[in-house]
Amino acid sequence: MSRIDESRPFLPVNVAVLTVSDTRTLENDTSGATLAARITASGHKVAVRAIEKDEADRIAALLEGWIADPAIDVVITTGGTGITGRDVTPEAFDRVLEKKIEGFGELFRMLSYAKIGTSTMQSRAIGGVARGTYLFALPGSTGAVKDAWDDILVWQLDNRHRPCNLVELMPRLQEHLKAAE
């Protein structure tokens, strides 16, 4: 069973938060605010917070900039993961990801199913890695953000989590780039 190893020091990570929406502003972005508050309460740092319209080119460009920034360890987006015509966050992620973390979306939908039933099939939540940066795309509802953070990400972004976690893998995420040099 999962546990926190209190003998290990906590290592905070820097997280960029992006809300994907045609209508939200920082003043009414409840899901982004909820996510940022949970990140900070967990001991991590919100490196930057932004809102971008549901346009794959603009989302991908912003993601590229954050991936290139050595001060950002993780990018978490909220919104744009549904199946309507304007939902393009997974398509933007496909443009930048080197490796997908399929288990993230699978686990998110499994946990979500217990709360909202078959409606969870409409979520295209995904996770992955690009040039040493973790990226996670969450649905835009405040409930989905809480579920993803509280039930998955808070644990995997804590280097004390056992038996394993994403933080301890960070030094090895760019091994393939070093091998190509």
C-alpha atoms as a PDB file:
ATOM      1  CA  MET A   1       0.000   0.000   0.000  1.00  0.00           C
ATOM      2  CA  SER A   2       1.113   3.563  -0.634  1.00  0.00           C
ATOM      3  CA  ARG A   3       2.656   5.511   2.196  1.00  0.00           C
ATOM      4  CA  ILE A   4       4.738   8.588   2.979  1.00  0.00           C
ATOM      5  CA  ASP A   5       8.252   7.856   4.208  1.00  0.00           C
ATOM      6  CA  GLU A   6       8.764  10.554   6.842  1.00  0.00           C
ATOM      7  CA  SER A   7      12.497   9.786   7.018  1.00  0.00           C
ATOM      8  CA  ARG A   8      12.974  11.385   3.584  1.00  0.00           C
ATOM      9  CA  PRO A   9      13.034  15.186   3.186  1.00  0.00           C
ATOM     10  CA  PHE A  10      10.193  16.748   1.201  1.00  0.00           C
ATOM     11  CA  LEU A  11      11.333  18.221  -2.137  1.00  0.00           C
ATOM     12  CA  PRO A  12       9.000  20.929  -3.484  1.00  0.00           C
ATOM     13  CA  VAL A  13       8.467  21.117  -7.238  1.00  0.00           C
ATOM     14  CA  ASN A  14       7.626  24.135  -9.393  1.00  0.00           C
ATOM     15  CA  VAL A  15       4.279  23.810 -11.121  1.00  0.00           C
ATOM     16  CA  ALA A  16       2.843  25.867 -13.984  1.00  0.00           C
ATOM     17  CA  VAL A  17      -0.968  26.003 -14.028  1.00  0.00           C
ATOM     18  CA  LEU A  18      -2.851  26.624 -17.255  1.00  0.00           C
ATOM     19  CA  THR A  19      -6.594  27.000 -17.571  1.00  0.00           C
ATOM     20  CA  VAL A  20      -7.827  26.346 -21.101  1.00  0.00           C
ATOM     21  CA  SER A  21     -11.029  28.282 -21.713  1.00  0.00           C
ATOM     22  CA  ASP A  22     -12.650  30.716 -24.111  1.00  0.00           C
ATOM     23  CA  THR A  23     -14.590  32.359 -21.284  1.00  0.00           C
ATOM     24  CA  ARG A  24     -12.654  32.190 -18.002  1.00  0.00           C
ATOM     25  CA  THR A  25     -10.645  35.003 -16.454  1.00  0.00           C
ATOM     26  CA  LEU A  26      -8.378  34.892 -13.397  1.00  0.00           C
ATOM     27  CA  GLU A  27     -11.278  36.364 -11.413  1.00  0.00           C
ATOM     28  CA  ASN A  28     -13.769  33.569 -12.231  1.00  0.00           C
ATOM     29  CA  ASP A  29     -11.413  30.632 -12.844  1.00  0.00           C
ATOM     30  CA  THR A  30     -12.476  28.416  -9.956  1.00  0.00           C
ATOM     31  CA  SER A  31     -10.764  25.244 -11.193  1.00  0.00           C
ATOM     32  CA  GLY A  32      -7.418  26.992 -11.744  1.00  0.00           C
ATOM     33  CA  ALA A  33      -7.674  28.713  -8.362  1.00  0.00           C
ATOM     34  CA  THR A  34      -8.544  25.429  -6.666  1.00  0.00           C
ATOM     35  CA  LEU A  35      -5.589  23.700  -8.288  1.00  0.00           C
ATOM     36  CA  ALA A  36      -3.171  26.509  -7.407  1.00  0.00           C
ATOM     37  CA  ALA A  37      -4.364  26.516  -3.787  1.00  0.00           C
ATOM     38  CA  ARG A  38      -3.892  22.743  -3.483  1.00  0.00           C
ATOM     39  CA  ILE A  39      -0.416  22.905  -5.028  1.00  0.00           C
ATOM     40  CA  THR A  40       0.659  25.581  -2.543  1.00  0.00           C
ATOM     41  CA  ALA A  41      -0.990  23.857   0.429  1.00  0.00           C
ATOM     42  CA  SER A  42       0.981  20.707  -0.434  1.00  0.00           C
ATOM     43  CA  GLY A  43       4.269  22.602  -0.137  1.00  0.00           C
ATOM     44  CA  HIS A  44       4.950  23.056  -3.842  1.00  0.00           C
ATOM     45  CA  LYS A  45       5.310  26.352  -5.708  1.00  0.00           C
ATOM     46  CA  VAL A  46       3.019  27.712  -8.411  1.00  0.00           C
ATOM     47  CA  ALA A  47       5.682  28.997 -10.802  1.00  0.00           C
ATOM     48  CA  VAL A  48       3.198  30.644 -13.156  1.00  0.00           C
ATOM     49  CA  ARG A  49      -0.537  30.649 -13.758  1.00  0.00           C
ATOM     50  CA  ALA A  50      -2.190  31.532 -17.053  1.00  0.00           C
ATOM     51  CA  ILE A  51      -5.371  31.250 -19.085  1.00  0.00           C
ATOM     52  CA  GLU A  52      -5.329  30.383 -22.780  1.00  0.00           C
ATOM     53  CA  LYS A  53      -8.135  30.040 -25.300  1.00  0.00           C
ATOM     54  CA  ASP A  54      -9.156  26.652 -26.703  1.00  0.00           C
ATOM     55  CA  GLU A  55      -6.779  26.867 -29.659  1.00  0.00           C
ATOM     56  CA  ALA A  56      -4.291  24.020 -30.090  1.00  0.00           C
ATOM     57  CA  ASP A  57      -1.558  26.181 -31.663  1.00  0.00           C
ATOM     58  CA  ARG A  58      -1.636  28.692 -28.805  1.00  0.00           C
ATOM     59  CA  ILE A  59      -1.774  25.983 -26.134  1.00  0.00           C
ATOM     60  CA  ALA A  60       1.126  24.063 -27.701  1.00  0.00           C
ATOM     61  CA  ALA A  61       3.225  27.234 -27.987  1.00  0.00           C
ATOM     62  CA  LEU A  62       2.666  28.055 -24.321  1.00  0.00           C
ATOM     63  CA  LEU A  63       3.475  24.471 -23.318  1.00  0.00           C
ATOM     64  CA  GLU A  64       6.693  24.587 -25.373  1.00  0.00           C
ATOM     65  CA  GLY A  65       7.801  27.719 -23.556  1.00  0.00           C
ATOM     66  CA  TRP A  66       7.126  26.212 -20.154  1.00  0.00           C
ATOM     67  CA  ILE A  67       8.823  22.926 -21.096  1.00  0.00           C
ATOM     68  CA  ALA A  68      11.930  24.898 -22.089  1.00  0.00           C
ATOM     69  CA  ASP A  69      11.951  26.823 -18.788  1.00  0.00           C
ATOM     70  CA  PRO A  70      14.282  25.095 -16.294  1.00  0.00           C
ATOM     71  CA  ALA A  71      12.352  26.734 -13.437  1.00  0.00           C
ATOM     72  CA  ILE A  72       9.232  24.651 -14.269  1.00  0.00           C
ATOM     73  CA  ASP A  73       9.135  20.977 -13.293  1.00  0.00           C
ATOM     74  CA  VAL A  74       5.472  20.190 -13.930  1.00  0.00           C
ATOM     75  CA  VAL A  75       2.692  21.677 -16.067  1.00  0.00           C
ATOM     76  CA  ILE A  76      -0.925  21.004 -15.129  1.00  0.00           C
ATOM     77  CA  THR A  77      -3.745  22.194 -17.345  1.00  0.00           C
ATOM     78  CA  THR A  78      -7.429  22.316 -16.560  1.00  0.00           C
ATOM     79  CA  GLY A  79     -10.062  22.409 -19.280  1.00  0.00           C
ATOM     80  CA  GLY A  80     -10.336  21.451 -22.922  1.00  0.00           C
ATOM     81  CA  THR A  81     -10.196  17.678 -22.390  1.00  0.00           C
ATOM     82  CA  GLY A  82     -13.773  16.890 -23.369  1.00  0.00           C
ATOM     83  CA  ILE A  83     -15.091  15.792 -26.742  1.00  0.00           C
ATOM     84  CA  THR A  84     -16.722  18.939 -28.123  1.00  0.00           C
ATOM     85  CA  GLY A  85     -15.342  20.735 -31.146  1.00  0.00           C
ATOM     86  CA  ARG A  86     -13.547  23.370 -29.037  1.00  0.00           C
ATOM     87  CA  ASP A  87     -11.860  20.817 -26.719  1.00  0.00           C
ATOM     88  CA  VAL A  88      -8.304  20.611 -28.091  1.00  0.00           C
ATOM     89  CA  THR A  89      -6.004  20.299 -25.071  1.00  0.00           C
ATOM     90  CA  PRO A  90      -5.081  16.628 -25.757  1.00  0.00           C
ATOM     91  CA  GLU A  91      -4.277  17.526 -29.365  1.00  0.00           C
ATOM     92  CA  ALA A  92      -1.955  20.303 -28.158  1.00  0.00           C
ATOM     93  CA  PHE A  93      -0.323  17.845 -25.751  1.00  0.00           C
ATOM     94  CA  ASP A  94       0.211  15.381 -28.613  1.00  0.00           C
ATOM     95  CA  ARG A  95       2.310  18.044 -30.353  1.00  0.00           C
ATOM     96  CA  VAL A  96       4.753  18.392 -27.434  1.00  0.00           C
ATOM     97  CA  LEU A  97       4.847  15.096 -25.523  1.00  0.00           C
ATOM     98  CA  GLU A  98       7.781  12.724 -25.925  1.00  0.00           C
ATOM     99  CA  LYS A  99       6.201   9.993 -23.823  1.00  0.00           C
ATOM    100  CA  LYS A 100       2.647   9.527 -22.655  1.00  0.00           C
ATOM    101  CA  ILE A 101       1.843   8.322 -19.155  1.00  0.00           C
ATOM    102  CA  GLU A 102      -1.229   6.298 -20.099  1.00  0.00           C
ATOM    103  CA  GLY A 103      -1.729   5.168 -16.519  1.00  0.00           C
ATOM    104  CA  PHE A 104      -2.577   8.707 -15.441  1.00  0.00           C
ATOM    105  CA  GLY A 105      -5.643   8.987 -17.675  1.00  0.00           C
ATOM    106  CA  GLU A 106      -6.673   5.426 -16.901  1.00  0.00           C
ATOM    107  CA  LEU A 107      -6.387   5.975 -13.146  1.00  0.00           C
ATOM    108  CA  PHE A 108      -8.150   9.329 -13.324  1.00  0.00           C
ATOM    109  CA  ARG A 109     -11.109   7.815 -15.184  1.00  0.00           C
ATOM    110  CA  MET A 110     -11.247   4.870 -12.779  1.00  0.00           C
ATOM    111  CA  LEU A 111     -11.424   7.206  -9.779  1.00  0.00           C
ATOM    112  CA  SER A 112     -13.859   9.497 -11.588  1.00  0.00           C
ATOM    113  CA  TYR A 113     -16.142   6.587 -12.462  1.00  0.00           C
ATOM    114  CA  ALA A 114     -16.715   5.967  -8.766  1.00  0.00           C
ATOM    115  CA  LYS A 115     -18.005   9.546  -8.446  1.00  0.00           C
ATOM    116  CA  ILE A 116     -19.765  10.396 -11.718  1.00  0.00           C
ATOM    117  CA  GLY A 117     -20.365   7.003 -13.291  1.00  0.00           C
ATOM    118  CA  THR A 118     -20.256   6.451 -17.019  1.00  0.00           C
ATOM    119  CA  SER A 119     -20.006  10.192 -17.753  1.00  0.00           C
ATOM    120  CA  THR A 120     -16.273   9.785 -17.095  1.00  0.00           C
ATOM    121  CA  MET A 121     -15.905   8.238 -20.564  1.00  0.00           C
ATOM    122  CA  GLN A 122     -16.138  11.771 -21.966  1.00  0.00           C
ATOM    123  CA  SER A 123     -12.860  12.777 -20.292  1.00  0.00           C
ATOM    124  CA  ARG A 124      -9.648  12.709 -22.291  1.00  0.00           C
ATOM    125  CA  ALA A 125      -7.420  13.498 -19.290  1.00  0.00           C
ATOM    126  CA  ILE A 126      -3.826  12.616 -20.148  1.00  0.00           C
ATOM    127  CA  GLY A 127      -0.325  12.802 -18.747  1.00  0.00           C
ATOM    128  CA  GLY A 128       3.147  12.661 -20.195  1.00  0.00           C
ATOM    129  CA  VAL A 129       6.723  13.890 -20.286  1.00  0.00           C
ATOM    130  CA  ALA A 130       8.518  16.335 -22.579  1.00  0.00           C
ATOM    131  CA  ARG A 131      12.209  17.204 -22.211  1.00  0.00           C
ATOM    132  CA  GLY A 132      12.242  16.519 -18.490  1.00  0.00           C
ATOM    133  CA  THR A 133       8.947  18.236 -17.672  1.00  0.00           C
ATOM    134  CA  TYR A 134       5.836  16.374 -16.559  1.00  0.00           C
ATOM    135  CA  LEU A 135       2.560  17.470 -18.148  1.00  0.00           C
ATOM    136  CA  PHE A 136      -0.966  16.608 -17.024  1.00  0.00           C
ATOM    137  CA  ALA A 137      -4.243  17.666 -18.666  1.00  0.00           C
ATOM    138  CA  LEU A 138      -7.269  17.656 -16.356  1.00  0.00           C
ATOM    139  CA  PRO A 139     -10.928  18.329 -17.081  1.00  0.00           C
ATOM    140  CA  GLY A 140     -12.115  21.855 -16.336  1.00  0.00           C
ATOM    141  CA  SER A 141     -14.477  21.167 -13.459  1.00  0.00           C
ATOM    142  CA  THR A 142     -13.421  22.007  -9.930  1.00  0.00           C
ATOM    143  CA  GLY A 143     -14.442  18.495  -8.844  1.00  0.00           C
ATOM    144  CA  ALA A 144     -12.195  16.883 -11.447  1.00  0.00           C
ATOM    145  CA  VAL A 145      -9.276  19.077 -10.392  1.00  0.00           C
ATOM    146  CA  LYS A 146      -9.786  18.070  -6.755  1.00  0.00           C
ATOM    147  CA  ASP A 147      -9.995  14.382  -7.692  1.00  0.00           C
ATOM    148  CA  ALA A 148      -6.863  14.455  -9.851  1.00  0.00           C
ATOM    149  CA  TRP A 149      -4.804  16.404  -7.331  1.00  0.00           C
ATOM    150  CA  ASP A 150      -6.031  14.813  -4.094  1.00  0.00           C
ATOM    151  CA  ASP A 151      -6.150  11.220  -5.315  1.00  0.00           C
ATOM    152  CA  ILE A 152      -3.198  11.051  -7.737  1.00  0.00           C
ATOM    153  CA  LEU A 153      -0.889  14.010  -8.224  1.00  0.00           C
ATOM    154  CA  VAL A 154      -0.325  15.062  -4.620  1.00  0.00           C
ATOM    155  CA  TRP A 155       1.086  11.570  -3.992  1.00  0.00           C
ATOM    156  CA  GLN A 156       3.109  11.174  -7.165  1.00  0.00           C
ATOM    157  CA  LEU A 157       4.645  14.645  -6.817  1.00  0.00           C
ATOM    158  CA  ASP A 158       5.807  13.894  -3.264  1.00  0.00           C
ATOM    159  CA  ASN A 159       9.292  12.373  -3.286  1.00  0.00           C
ATOM    160  CA  ARG A 160       8.529  10.676   0.052  1.00  0.00           C
ATOM    161  CA  HIS A 161       5.720   8.596  -1.465  1.00  0.00           C
ATOM    162  CA  ARG A 162       6.462   4.871  -1.459  1.00  0.00           C
ATOM    163  CA  PRO A 163       6.897   2.535  -3.195  1.00  0.00           C
ATOM    164  CA  CYS A 164       7.760   5.046  -5.948  1.00  0.00           C
ATOM    165  CA  ASN A 165       6.950   8.533  -7.229  1.00  0.00           C
ATOM    166  CA  LEU A 166       7.506  10.813 -10.211  1.00  0.00           C
ATOM    167  CA  VAL A 167       9.852  13.219  -8.409  1.00  0.00           C
ATOM    168  CA  GLU A 168      12.592  10.649  -7.892  1.00  0.00           C
ATOM    169  CA  LEU A 169      12.540   9.969 -11.648  1.00  0.00           C
ATOM    170  CA  MET A 170      13.121  13.619 -12.610  1.00  0.00           C
ATOM    171  CA  PRO A 171      16.941  13.353 -12.818  1.00  0.00           C
ATOM    172  CA  ARG A 172      16.555  10.509 -15.330  1.00  0.00           C
ATOM    173  CA  LEU A 173      13.891  11.993 -17.618  1.00  0.00           C
ATOM    174  CA  GLN A 174      16.413  13.364 -20.106  1.00  0.00           C
ATOM    175  CA  GLU A 175      18.729  10.343 -20.333  1.00  0.00           C
ATOM    176  CA  HIS A 176      17.784   9.801 -23.976  1.00  0.00           C
ATOM    177  CA  LEU A 177      18.899  13.340 -24.831  1.00  0.00           C
ATOM    178  CA  LYS A 178      22.304  12.854 -23.217  1.00  0.00           C
ATOM    179  CA  ALA A 179      22.790   9.551 -25.027  1.00  0.00           C
ATOM    180  CA  ALA A 180      22.229  11.308 -28.388  1.00  0.00           C
ATOM    181  CA  GLU A 181      25.022  13.856 -27.745  1.00  0.00           C
END
